[in-house]
Amino acid sequence: MTIRVTVWNENIHERENGIVAGIYPEGIHGTIAAALNAEGDIEADCATLQEPEHGLSVERLARTDVLFWWGHAAHAEVEDAIAGRVCEAVWSGMGIVFLHSAHFSKPFKRLMGAPCNLSWREAGERERLWVTSLNHPIARGIDRYFELEQEEMYGEPFGVPESLETVFTSWFQGGEVFRSGLTYKRGAGNIFYFRPGHETYPSYHDANVRMVLRNAARWAYNPAARVADPVSAPNVPVERAPETIEHRGPRLHAPGQKGFV
């Protein structure tokens, strides 16, 4: 079955910075989509911040199996309602892969419920990514480690909840380390955070990075039907209880009354 992927990108640096435009003439989103489309089981297209509803309409998300998210300079420009819509899609079963500076995006911070802060340095350092979860599907085809000759440093502590698994841990030339590949589950949705991808370096052209992206799409895909209303909190009347019961004691809510929000 084909995995339907939407690659979302704020599409700012490629239009405003000549270095980034030279590395990613089709945009970061276009390069990632091309990597995903290189194998027949994934069908990827793109959406950007500048489109109506940021390209993430209810209909678009409903037909997206896995959403990839790249952002950096325009986190605040993402409408709160759209960020909430993305989170609800994840809770209902859509997979999502957050890339590089998307650790500060509205959807990631909301799904993590944490500040998601870290230390950083832009110095073109060599990064060595170690596989720290042996035989994990996201690391399929990767050796014990791989290296990127130039990357932005991200350093611990990383202000996120403890992950289900740490798939990759990075060492940087300056000495810092970082948990660079983390898995989570929120509601029915699978989440993967993958650190590499600074826009002034050609990381998304690297064969190992592209392999991880394809593996991540397959891992995040949930073939089950979406949960219809993942934020529903129904008031279950006594007559619908699994066992026969009677009302006892005082109550605050009238029958059928919605809860307070």
Protein backbone atom coordinates (compact mmCIF):
# COMPACT_ATOMS: atom_id res chain seq x y z
CA MET A 1 0.00 0.00 0.00
CA THR A 2 1.33 3.44 -0.92
CA ILE A 3 2.19 5.71 2.03
CA ARG A 4 0.89 9.21 1.32
CA VAL A 5 3.29 11.85 2.65
CA THR A 6 3.00 15.62 2.81
CA VAL A 7 6.29 17.49 3.28
CA TRP A 8 5.64 20.85 4.94
CA ASN A 9 8.18 23.65 4.88
CA GLU A 10 7.95 27.31 5.88
CA ASN A 11 9.84 28.07 2.63
CA ILE A 12 11.53 31.23 3.91
CA HIS A 13 15.29 30.73 3.69
CA GLU A 14 15.22 29.35 0.14
CA ARG A 15 13.53 32.53 -1.10
CA GLU A 16 15.62 35.00 0.89
CA ASN A 17 19.12 33.50 1.16
CA GLY A 18 21.28 32.77 -1.87
CA ILE A 19 23.35 30.10 -0.12
CA VAL A 20 20.27 28.12 0.82
CA ALA A 21 18.75 28.61 -2.63
CA GLY A 22 21.92 27.25 -4.20
CA ILE A 23 21.89 24.11 -2.06
CA TYR A 24 18.13 23.57 -2.35
CA PRO A 25 16.95 25.11 -5.64
CA GLU A 26 13.68 23.16 -5.39
CA GLY A 27 13.31 24.13 -1.74
CA ILE A 28 14.11 21.98 1.27
CA HIS A 29 10.63 20.51 0.89
CA GLY A 30 11.26 19.60 -2.74
CA THR A 31 14.53 17.87 -1.90
CA ILE A 32 12.95 15.86 0.92
CA ALA A 33 9.98 14.90 -1.26
CA ALA A 34 12.35 13.71 -3.99
CA ALA A 35 14.19 11.53 -1.47
CA LEU A 36 10.92 10.01 -0.32
CA ASN A 37 9.63 9.47 -3.85
CA ALA A 38 12.79 7.58 -4.82
CA GLU A 39 11.17 4.30 -3.79
CA GLY A 40 7.78 3.13 -5.00
CA ASP A 41 5.98 2.60 -1.71
CA ILE A 42 5.96 6.31 -0.77
CA GLU A 43 4.13 9.10 -2.61
CA ALA A 44 5.18 12.55 -1.36
CA ASP A 45 4.04 16.04 -2.26
CA CYS A 46 4.59 19.41 -0.62
CA ALA A 47 2.87 22.21 1.26
CA THR A 48 4.26 25.55 2.44
CA LEU A 49 3.52 28.32 4.90
CA GLN A 50 2.50 30.75 2.16
CA GLU A 51 -0.44 28.69 0.90
CA PRO A 52 -4.02 29.23 2.14
CA GLU A 53 -4.34 27.45 5.52
CA HIS A 54 -0.56 26.89 5.18
CA GLY A 55 -1.43 24.11 2.74
CA LEU A 56 -2.83 22.06 5.61
CA SER A 57 -6.58 22.02 5.12
CA VAL A 58 -8.75 19.50 6.94
CA GLU A 59 -9.06 17.56 3.67
CA ARG A 60 -5.29 17.60 3.06
CA LEU A 61 -4.51 16.24 6.51
CA ALA A 62 -7.23 13.61 6.20
CA ARG A 63 -5.49 12.12 3.16
CA THR A 64 -1.97 12.44 4.61
CA ASP A 65 -0.59 9.28 6.22
CA VAL A 66 2.63 10.92 7.42
CA LEU A 67 3.44 14.64 7.66
CA PHE A 68 7.05 15.87 7.54
CA TRP A 69 7.61 19.29 9.17
CA TRP A 70 10.58 21.62 8.59
CA GLY A 71 10.57 25.07 10.17
CA HIS A 72 13.03 27.60 11.57
CA ALA A 73 12.45 31.32 11.04
CA ALA A 74 8.65 31.49 11.01
CA HIS A 75 7.36 29.34 13.87
CA ALA A 76 5.29 32.28 15.16
CA GLU A 77 3.65 32.80 11.76
CA VAL A 78 1.93 29.42 11.87
CA GLU A 79 -1.66 30.04 12.87
CA ASP A 80 -2.61 28.53 16.21
CA ALA A 81 -5.71 26.96 14.68
CA ILE A 82 -3.64 25.18 12.02
CA ALA A 83 -1.12 23.96 14.60
CA GLY A 84 -4.03 22.61 16.66
CA ARG A 85 -5.45 20.94 13.55
CA VAL A 86 -2.13 19.17 12.97
CA CYS A 87 -2.05 17.94 16.58
CA GLU A 88 -5.59 16.59 16.31
CA ALA A 89 -4.61 14.73 13.14
CA VAL A 90 -1.70 13.16 15.02
CA TRP A 91 -3.93 12.19 17.96
CA SER A 92 -6.30 10.59 15.45
CA GLY A 93 -3.53 8.46 13.90
CA MET A 94 -1.53 10.50 11.37
CA GLY A 95 2.21 9.98 11.67
CA ILE A 96 4.52 13.00 11.86
CA VAL A 97 8.28 13.52 11.44
CA PHE A 98 9.77 16.73 12.85
CA LEU A 99 13.06 17.81 11.31
CA HIS A 100 15.90 19.91 12.73
CA SER A 101 14.63 23.30 14.01
CA ALA A 102 11.06 22.01 14.05
CA HIS A 103 11.81 21.23 17.71
CA PHE A 104 10.56 24.81 18.31
CA SER A 105 7.49 24.53 16.07
CA LYS A 106 4.04 24.99 17.56
CA PRO A 107 2.85 21.43 16.84
CA PHE A 108 5.97 19.82 18.33
CA LYS A 109 5.92 21.91 21.50
CA ARG A 110 2.21 21.24 21.97
CA LEU A 111 2.60 17.50 21.43
CA MET A 112 5.58 17.36 23.79
CA GLY A 113 4.08 19.64 26.45
CA ALA A 114 7.60 20.89 27.15
CA PRO A 115 9.89 23.85 26.32
CA CYS A 116 11.91 21.79 23.79
CA ASN A 117 14.96 24.01 24.33
CA LEU A 118 18.60 23.15 23.64
CA SER A 119 22.03 24.72 23.09
CA TRP A 120 23.35 25.35 19.59
CA ARG A 121 26.28 26.62 17.53
CA GLU A 122 26.53 27.30 13.79
CA ALA A 123 30.16 26.49 12.99
CA GLY A 124 30.08 23.82 10.28
CA GLU A 125 31.18 21.06 12.64
CA ARG A 126 31.44 17.40 11.77
CA GLU A 127 28.54 15.42 13.24
CA ARG A 128 28.73 11.69 13.97
CA LEU A 129 25.34 10.04 14.42
CA TRP A 130 25.51 6.77 16.34
CA VAL A 131 22.77 4.17 16.09
CA THR A 132 21.72 3.69 19.72
CA SER A 133 18.69 1.44 19.15
CA LEU A 134 20.00 -1.64 17.38
CA ASN A 135 17.85 -3.08 14.59
CA HIS A 136 15.33 -0.26 14.87
CA PRO A 137 13.28 0.07 11.65
CA ILE A 138 14.22 3.76 11.32
CA ALA A 139 17.92 2.81 11.29
CA ARG A 140 17.52 0.00 8.75
CA GLY A 141 20.44 0.02 6.31
CA ILE A 142 22.59 2.31 8.50
CA ASP A 143 25.93 1.12 9.84
CA ARG A 144 26.97 1.63 13.49
CA TYR A 145 27.20 5.35 12.72
CA PHE A 146 27.38 7.82 9.87
CA GLU A 147 28.94 11.24 9.59
CA LEU A 148 27.95 14.61 8.17
CA GLU A 149 30.98 16.73 7.39
CA GLN A 150 29.25 20.02 8.23
CA GLU A 151 26.26 20.59 10.47
CA GLU A 152 24.90 22.95 13.09
CA MET A 153 25.58 21.77 16.64
CA TYR A 154 22.66 20.98 18.93
CA GLY A 155 23.64 20.17 22.50
CA GLU A 156 22.13 18.66 25.61
CA PRO A 157 20.16 19.13 27.71
CA PHE A 158 17.24 18.81 25.29
CA GLY A 159 14.04 19.95 27.01
CA VAL A 160 11.71 17.20 25.82
CA PRO A 161 9.94 14.34 27.65
CA GLU A 162 11.69 11.00 27.82
CA SER A 163 11.23 9.28 24.48
CA LEU A 164 10.01 5.77 23.79
CA GLU A 165 13.31 5.10 22.02
CA THR A 166 16.50 7.00 21.24
CA VAL A 167 17.37 5.81 17.75
CA PHE A 168 20.37 8.11 17.15
CA THR A 169 22.76 10.00 19.42
CA SER A 170 25.06 12.62 17.93
CA TRP A 171 28.60 13.64 18.78
CA PHE A 172 29.87 16.96 17.45
CA GLN A 173 33.41 18.07 16.65
CA GLY A 174 33.29 20.62 19.47
CA GLY A 175 32.55 17.89 22.01
CA GLU A 176 28.80 18.18 22.64
CA VAL A 177 26.36 15.28 22.36
CA PHE A 178 22.66 15.26 21.52
CA ARG A 179 19.75 12.81 21.27
CA SER A 180 19.21 13.18 17.54
CA GLY A 181 16.54 10.60 16.77
CA LEU A 182 13.63 10.25 19.20
CA THR A 183 10.34 8.36 18.92
CA TYR A 184 7.07 9.15 20.68
CA LYS A 185 3.44 8.20 20.52
CA ARG A 186 0.67 10.71 21.14
CA GLY A 187 -2.88 9.41 20.94
CA ALA A 188 -2.92 7.06 17.94
CA GLY A 189 -0.11 8.89 16.14
CA ASN A 190 3.57 7.96 15.82
CA ILE A 191 6.12 10.78 16.13
CA PHE A 192 9.80 10.87 15.14
CA TYR A 193 12.16 13.78 15.73
CA PHE A 194 15.31 13.79 13.56
CA ARG A 195 17.95 16.44 14.20
CA PRO A 196 20.06 16.96 11.01
CA GLY A 197 19.00 19.49 8.38
CA HIS A 198 20.50 22.94 8.89
CA GLU A 199 19.63 24.91 5.80
CA THR A 200 23.14 26.14 4.86
CA TYR A 201 24.54 22.59 4.68
CA PRO A 202 23.56 19.89 2.15
CA SER A 203 22.38 17.34 4.74
CA TYR A 204 19.21 16.36 2.85
CA HIS A 205 21.36 15.35 -0.12
CA ASP A 206 23.26 12.83 2.03
CA ALA A 207 22.43 9.20 1.20
CA ASN A 208 22.23 8.11 4.84
CA VAL A 209 19.95 10.98 5.81
CA ARG A 210 17.67 10.23 2.87
CA MET A 211 17.53 6.56 3.90
CA VAL A 212 16.53 7.57 7.43
CA LEU A 213 13.77 9.82 6.04
CA ARG A 214 12.30 6.94 4.01
CA ASN A 215 12.57 4.57 6.97
CA ALA A 216 10.89 7.15 9.20
CA ALA A 217 7.95 7.52 6.83
CA ARG A 218 7.37 3.78 6.90
CA TRP A 219 7.75 3.58 10.68
CA ALA A 220 5.39 6.51 11.36
CA TYR A 221 2.67 5.18 9.05
CA ASN A 222 -0.35 3.78 10.90
CA PRO A 223 -2.58 1.72 8.55
CA ALA A 224 -5.50 1.63 11.00
CA ALA A 225 -8.55 3.83 10.43
CA ARG A 226 -8.30 7.27 12.00
CA VAL A 227 -9.91 7.92 15.36
CA ALA A 228 -12.99 9.93 14.40
CA ASP A 229 -12.94 12.50 17.22
CA PRO A 230 -9.71 12.24 19.21
CA VAL A 231 -10.59 15.10 21.59
CA SER A 232 -14.09 13.87 22.46
CA ALA A 233 -14.88 13.63 26.19
CA PRO A 234 -18.48 12.35 26.32
CA ASN A 235 -20.79 12.38 29.33
CA VAL A 236 -21.90 8.73 29.53
CA PRO A 237 -25.42 8.45 31.00
CA VAL A 238 -26.24 5.87 33.65
CA GLU A 239 -28.43 3.87 31.30
CA ARG A 240 -25.44 3.33 28.98
CA ALA A 241 -23.05 2.04 31.66
CA PRO A 242 -21.66 -1.44 30.90
CA GLU A 243 -23.10 -2.66 34.22
CA THR A 244 -26.49 -1.77 35.73
CA ILE A 245 -26.18 1.04 38.28
CA GLU A 246 -28.35 3.73 39.89
CA HIS A 247 -27.61 7.36 40.61
CA ARG A 248 -26.15 7.81 44.09
CA GLY A 249 -25.46 11.05 45.88
CA PRO A 250 -25.49 14.63 44.61
CA ARG A 251 -24.13 15.59 41.21
CA LEU A 252 -22.91 18.76 39.58
CA HIS A 253 -23.87 18.06 35.97
CA ALA A 254 -27.35 17.69 34.49
CA PRO A 255 -27.97 14.61 32.32
CA GLY A 256 -26.33 15.11 28.92
CA GLN A 257 -24.56 18.30 29.96
CA LYS A 258 -21.17 18.84 28.36
CA GLY A 259 -18.07 19.07 30.50
CA PHE A 260 -16.35 22.34 31.30
CA VAL A 261 -13.47 23.39 29.05
